[in-house]
Every structure is written in structure tokens, then in C-alpha cells.
Protein backbone atom coordinates (compact mmCIF):
# COMPACT_ATOMS: atom_id res chain seq x y z
CA MET A 1 30.56 -112.15 -193.44
CA ARG A 2 30.68 -113.88 -190.09
CA GLY A 3 28.04 -111.58 -188.58
CA HIS A 4 25.70 -112.34 -191.45
CA ARG A 5 26.07 -116.09 -190.95
CA GLN A 6 25.30 -115.66 -187.25
CA ASP A 7 22.15 -113.75 -188.07
CA GLU A 8 21.00 -116.63 -190.23
CA ARG A 9 21.14 -119.09 -187.38
CA PRO A 10 17.83 -120.13 -185.77
CA LEU A 11 16.63 -117.48 -183.34
CA ALA A 12 16.78 -119.89 -180.42
CA GLU A 13 20.54 -120.22 -180.94
CA LEU A 14 21.25 -116.48 -180.79
CA ASP A 15 22.27 -114.80 -177.55
CA ASP A 16 20.41 -111.76 -176.25
CA ARG A 17 22.62 -109.20 -177.96
CA ALA A 18 22.41 -111.00 -181.28
CA LEU A 19 18.64 -111.21 -180.97
CA LEU A 20 18.35 -107.50 -180.29
CA ALA A 21 20.64 -106.74 -183.22
CA ALA A 22 18.57 -109.05 -185.43
CA HIS A 23 15.42 -107.21 -184.36
CA VAL A 24 17.00 -103.85 -185.20
CA ALA A 25 18.01 -105.28 -188.58
CA GLY A 26 14.38 -106.20 -189.21
CA ARG A 27 14.42 -109.94 -188.62
CA GLU A 28 10.90 -111.10 -187.88
CA GLY A 29 10.33 -112.84 -184.55
CA ALA A 30 13.65 -111.79 -183.00
CA PHE A 31 12.10 -109.50 -180.41
CA GLY A 32 9.45 -112.06 -179.55
CA GLU A 33 12.17 -114.65 -178.92
CA LEU A 34 14.03 -112.20 -176.69
CA PHE A 35 10.94 -111.32 -174.69
CA GLY A 36 9.95 -114.96 -174.33
CA ARG A 37 13.28 -115.76 -172.68
CA HIS A 38 12.84 -113.16 -169.95
CA ARG A 39 9.05 -112.81 -169.77
CA ASP A 40 8.56 -114.53 -166.41
CA ARG A 41 11.16 -112.53 -164.53
CA LEU A 42 10.13 -109.25 -166.15
CA TRP A 43 6.55 -110.01 -165.15
CA ALA A 44 7.60 -110.78 -161.56
CA VAL A 45 9.50 -107.49 -161.30
CA ALA A 46 6.56 -105.56 -162.76
CA LEU A 47 4.09 -107.24 -160.42
CA ARG A 48 6.13 -106.80 -157.28
CA THR A 49 6.90 -103.19 -158.18
CA THR A 50 3.31 -102.15 -158.85
CA GLY A 51 1.57 -104.52 -156.42
CA GLN A 52 -1.42 -105.05 -158.70
CA PRO A 53 -1.75 -107.51 -161.62
CA GLU A 54 -3.63 -104.98 -163.75
CA ASP A 55 -1.03 -102.25 -163.25
CA ALA A 56 1.79 -104.75 -163.77
CA ALA A 57 0.28 -105.91 -167.05
CA ASP A 58 -0.13 -102.33 -168.25
CA GLY A 59 3.36 -101.36 -167.12
CA LEU A 60 4.90 -104.40 -168.79
CA GLN A 61 2.99 -103.67 -171.99
CA ASP A 62 4.19 -100.06 -171.98
CA ALA A 63 7.75 -101.25 -171.42
CA LEU A 64 7.68 -103.80 -174.22
CA VAL A 65 6.35 -101.27 -176.69
CA ALA A 66 9.09 -98.84 -175.66
CA ALA A 67 11.79 -101.53 -175.88
CA TYR A 68 10.52 -102.67 -179.28
CA ARG A 69 10.64 -99.14 -180.67
CA ARG A 70 13.86 -98.02 -178.95
CA ALA A 71 15.93 -101.14 -179.54
CA GLY A 72 18.22 -99.18 -181.85
CA SER A 73 19.22 -96.95 -178.92
CA PHE A 74 20.74 -99.85 -176.98
CA ARG A 75 24.36 -98.81 -176.43
CA GLY A 76 25.71 -102.18 -175.41
CA ASP A 77 27.29 -100.85 -172.20
CA ALA A 78 25.15 -103.21 -170.09
CA ALA A 79 23.53 -106.59 -170.46
CA VAL A 80 20.37 -106.73 -172.53
CA THR A 81 18.50 -108.02 -169.48
CA THR A 82 19.63 -104.97 -167.51
CA TRP A 83 18.36 -102.72 -170.29
CA LEU A 84 15.01 -104.54 -170.38
CA HIS A 85 14.59 -104.45 -166.61
CA ARG A 86 15.38 -100.74 -166.56
CA ILE A 87 12.61 -100.05 -169.07
CA VAL A 88 10.13 -102.25 -167.18
CA VAL A 89 10.90 -100.69 -163.78
CA ASN A 90 10.69 -97.15 -165.18
CA ALA A 91 7.35 -97.89 -166.84
CA CYS A 92 5.98 -99.30 -163.60
CA LEU A 93 7.32 -96.39 -161.54
CA ASP A 94 5.66 -93.98 -163.95
CA ARG A 95 2.34 -95.69 -163.33
CA LEU A 96 2.87 -95.66 -159.56
CA ARG A 97 3.70 -91.97 -159.53
CA ALA A 98 0.65 -91.21 -161.66
CA ALA A 99 -1.60 -93.07 -159.21
CA ARG A 100 0.19 -92.42 -155.92
CA VAL A 101 -3.15 -92.12 -154.12
CA ARG A 102 -3.52 -95.89 -154.55
CA ARG A 103 -0.12 -96.59 -153.04
CA THR A 104 -1.48 -97.82 -149.70
CA ASP A 105 -4.10 -100.14 -151.15
CA ARG A 106 -3.85 -103.69 -149.89
CA LEU A 107 -2.04 -106.01 -152.24
CA PRO A 108 -3.93 -108.98 -153.67
CA ASP A 109 -3.65 -112.24 -151.77
CA ASP A 110 -2.51 -114.09 -154.90
CA LEU A 111 0.44 -111.79 -155.58
CA GLU A 112 3.03 -114.34 -154.49
CA GLU A 113 1.50 -116.93 -156.81
CA TYR A 114 2.06 -114.60 -159.76
CA GLY A 115 5.46 -113.45 -158.52
CA GLU A 116 6.86 -116.96 -158.21
CA ARG A 117 6.56 -117.36 -161.98
CA GLY A 118 9.54 -115.08 -162.40
CA ASP A 119 11.75 -116.34 -159.60
CA THR A 120 14.77 -117.91 -161.26
CA ARG A 121 16.57 -118.73 -158.05
CA THR A 122 16.72 -122.31 -156.78
CA ALA A 123 13.67 -123.01 -154.66
CA THR A 124 14.07 -124.70 -151.32
CA ALA A 125 12.07 -127.78 -150.51
CA GLU A 126 8.80 -126.82 -148.89
CA THR A 127 6.91 -128.85 -146.37
CA ASP A 128 3.46 -130.21 -147.05
CA ASP A 129 2.38 -129.40 -143.50
CA PRO A 130 -0.80 -127.29 -143.91
CA ALA A 131 -0.10 -125.38 -140.69
CA GLU A 132 3.37 -124.32 -141.83
CA GLN A 133 2.07 -123.45 -145.27
CA SER A 134 -0.56 -121.23 -143.67
CA VAL A 135 2.03 -119.46 -141.51
CA ARG A 136 4.27 -118.95 -144.53
CA ALA A 137 1.38 -117.56 -146.59
CA GLU A 138 0.46 -115.12 -143.81
CA ARG A 139 4.03 -113.91 -143.60
CA ARG A 140 4.15 -113.37 -147.36
CA ARG A 141 0.93 -111.41 -147.30
CA ALA A 142 2.20 -109.26 -144.45
CA VAL A 143 5.46 -108.51 -146.27
CA LEU A 144 3.70 -107.71 -149.53
CA ASP A 145 1.14 -105.55 -147.75
CA ALA A 146 3.92 -103.60 -146.06
CA LEU A 147 5.79 -103.36 -149.37
CA GLY A 148 2.79 -101.59 -150.85
CA ARG A 149 3.05 -98.85 -148.22
CA ILE A 150 6.54 -97.57 -149.00
CA SER A 151 7.59 -95.19 -151.76
CA PRO A 152 7.79 -96.53 -155.32
CA GLU A 153 11.53 -95.79 -155.49
CA GLN A 154 12.26 -97.69 -152.28
CA ARG A 155 9.97 -100.50 -153.37
CA ALA A 156 11.76 -100.88 -156.71
CA ALA A 157 15.16 -101.06 -155.01
CA ILE A 158 13.98 -103.65 -152.48
CA VAL A 159 12.26 -105.72 -155.17
CA LEU A 160 15.45 -105.91 -157.22
CA VAL A 161 17.93 -106.44 -154.38
CA ASP A 162 15.98 -108.37 -151.73
CA MET A 163 13.34 -110.19 -153.75
CA GLU A 164 14.99 -110.75 -157.12
CA GLY A 165 18.50 -111.18 -155.72
CA TYR A 166 20.31 -108.66 -157.90
CA PRO A 167 23.64 -107.31 -156.61
CA VAL A 168 23.49 -103.65 -155.62
CA ALA A 169 25.68 -102.66 -158.57
CA GLU A 170 23.36 -104.40 -161.05
CA ALA A 171 20.26 -102.89 -159.44
CA ALA A 172 21.91 -99.49 -159.73
CA ARG A 173 22.41 -100.03 -163.47
CA ILE A 174 18.80 -101.12 -163.87
CA LEU A 175 17.48 -98.10 -161.95
CA ASP A 176 20.07 -95.81 -163.57
CA VAL A 177 21.19 -94.39 -160.22
CA ALA A 178 24.35 -94.59 -158.13
CA ALA A 179 24.99 -97.72 -156.08
CA GLY A 180 24.92 -95.58 -152.95
CA THR A 181 21.41 -94.44 -153.85
CA VAL A 182 20.25 -98.04 -154.11
CA LYS A 183 21.79 -98.82 -150.71
CA SER A 184 20.12 -95.78 -149.18
CA ARG A 185 16.72 -96.63 -150.66
CA CYS A 186 17.02 -100.22 -149.49
CA SER A 187 18.07 -99.16 -146.00
CA ARG A 188 15.27 -96.64 -145.61
CA GLY A 189 12.76 -98.95 -147.24
CA ARG A 190 13.68 -101.83 -144.94
CA ALA A 191 13.27 -99.58 -141.91
CA ARG A 192 9.82 -98.53 -143.06
CA LEU A 193 8.93 -102.13 -143.89
CA ALA A 194 9.93 -103.18 -140.37
CA ALA A 195 7.70 -100.50 -138.88
CA HIS A 196 4.73 -101.46 -141.07
CA LEU A 197 5.26 -105.15 -140.37
CA ALA A 198 5.32 -104.46 -136.64
CA GLU A 199 1.94 -102.72 -136.97
CA LEU A 200 0.52 -105.58 -139.02
CA LEU A 201 1.78 -108.20 -136.60
CA VAL A 202 0.31 -106.31 -133.64
CA ASP A 203 -3.01 -106.05 -135.46
CA ASP A 204 -2.99 -109.78 -136.19
CA ASP A 205 -1.93 -110.89 -132.71
CA THR A 206 -4.48 -112.34 -130.34
CA ALA A 207 -5.83 -109.78 -127.95
CA PRO A 208 -4.85 -109.73 -124.26
CA GLY A 209 -7.22 -111.89 -122.30
CA ASP A 210 -7.36 -114.51 -125.02
CA PRO A 211 -6.55 -117.90 -123.47
CA HIS A 212 -3.81 -118.35 -126.10
CA HIS A 213 -2.29 -114.93 -125.54
CA PRO A 214 1.07 -115.10 -123.71
CA PRO A 215 1.03 -113.62 -120.20
CA THR A 216 2.33 -110.08 -119.84
CA GLY A 217 4.99 -108.97 -117.39
CA ASN A 218 8.38 -110.36 -116.58
CA PRO A 219 8.96 -114.10 -116.92
CA GLY A 220 9.10 -116.16 -113.78
CA GLY A 221 12.79 -116.96 -114.05
CA PRO A 222 15.77 -116.87 -116.35
CA ALA A 223 15.68 -119.15 -119.34
CA ARG A 224 18.18 -121.96 -119.22
CA VAL A 225 20.12 -122.11 -122.46
CA ARG A 226 23.08 -124.43 -122.81
CA PRO A 227 26.26 -123.02 -124.42
CA ASP A 228 25.73 -125.31 -127.38
CA ASP A 229 22.02 -124.59 -127.67
CA PRO A 230 21.20 -123.36 -131.21
CA ARG A 231 18.92 -120.74 -129.71
CA GLY A 232 20.74 -117.51 -129.38
CA PRO A 233 20.90 -113.97 -130.71
CA PRO A 234 20.36 -113.85 -134.48
CA ALA A 235 23.32 -112.95 -136.61
CA SER A 236 23.55 -109.33 -137.62
CA PRO A 237 22.00 -108.84 -141.06
CA SER A 238 24.54 -108.39 -143.79
CA ARG A 239 24.77 -104.93 -145.27
CA PRO A 240 23.99 -104.57 -148.97
């Protein structure tokens, strides 16, 4: 039969669905091949959702065991990657809910280093200027610190939509909720992130009286901006 011949092909030539079917049929190494294809991004989602490498590793391990054992329950109504991400996110959320008291702990400084391993989007060219790299690193730490202060559900939605670049509809399938719920969680989570980031930026600013601190009060005169000057009000953020 045609299906049988497909199963006999090298594992690397099988698509995700065929690999999962081969695993269910008992073919050795099929699940390992499937996991290897998506390991980096699954790890990035787990790490950004939990905020701690140890919790991410435990959550990912729990998810892989569950996926390995429950592969036969895959209904085929979504992509295999969606199914895998759903299991990973749920496992991580379970750990976050079980240890909610640790929710506001500071995130490790090397989180972005780990997270970048799973970013499959095209990276932009980065400058070698140490000053700009330092500013960028500080901004990342501030965002990740603030991310650790919002609810696990909001964090998971923002990780998938804003950090991993999933469309709202796909994130909804991964989280097994309505698209409107994802939009609501993202909206509320972004508002809370903005508030936390404002606090962090105020804390990190130089104190008044510092020679580098900008003077308070109204500016001496109106700023002169030409009509063609690129400086201007930022564009309104697009809605998810």
C-alpha cells in the first residue's frame, strides 16, 4: 500500500503528520525525529512562558512525556506543531499555577540568550557598537522582568503572539481558547506590561540633581520640526 511505502522512507523525509503516525505505529526514532525538528522553538516558548530555565526544562520534559504517550489522541484537526505547542504551554502553565508565589521573581539575565535559540524569524542585522548593545540588553531585561510580573495566562498569550509571532487564530488553537480571549489577554497583558515597564524605567533613571538628568519644567521654547522631519508622533500600534 502507498501508506506503507511512505512509512518505509527515511524518517528525515517524512512530514510531521507522517512522523507522528509512524510513532503511533511503533516505528523507533520517529518521535525523536519529530521533537528534534521543533526542539528549539518549543524550548523558547517554554522558557519565555515560565521565565526560569529550570522550570522551562521541567515543563518541556513533562510535555514531551505527555505528547509521547498521547500521540494516538491526535485528531488531525490542527497542525502537529500546534498540538505540540499546546501541550508545552499547558505543561508550563500548570507549573506556574502550582508555584504562583514565585511569579514576581526576577527573570535571569541570560533568558534572552536561551530564548533566541528558538526564534525562527529572520533576524535583523545588529550593530557591533557596545553602547547600543548595552542599551538593547537593558531593554530586553526590562521587558522580560515585566513579563514575569503578569498572569501566566496573559504571559502565554503575549509570548505566542508578540514574541513568537503567531497569528491570533493560531495562538488561540494552541491555547485552546477563543480568538477573542487571546486578544483580551494580550490587550490586558500589554497594559500591565506598560505599567511595569514604566516603574522599571523610573527606577533605572538617573535621579534629579544628577548632572546628566534632564532639567524639569517646561522647555524654553517650542521645538522646531520641519514638515518633512522624520521625527513625529509614532504610528498607532496595530491591533491584534
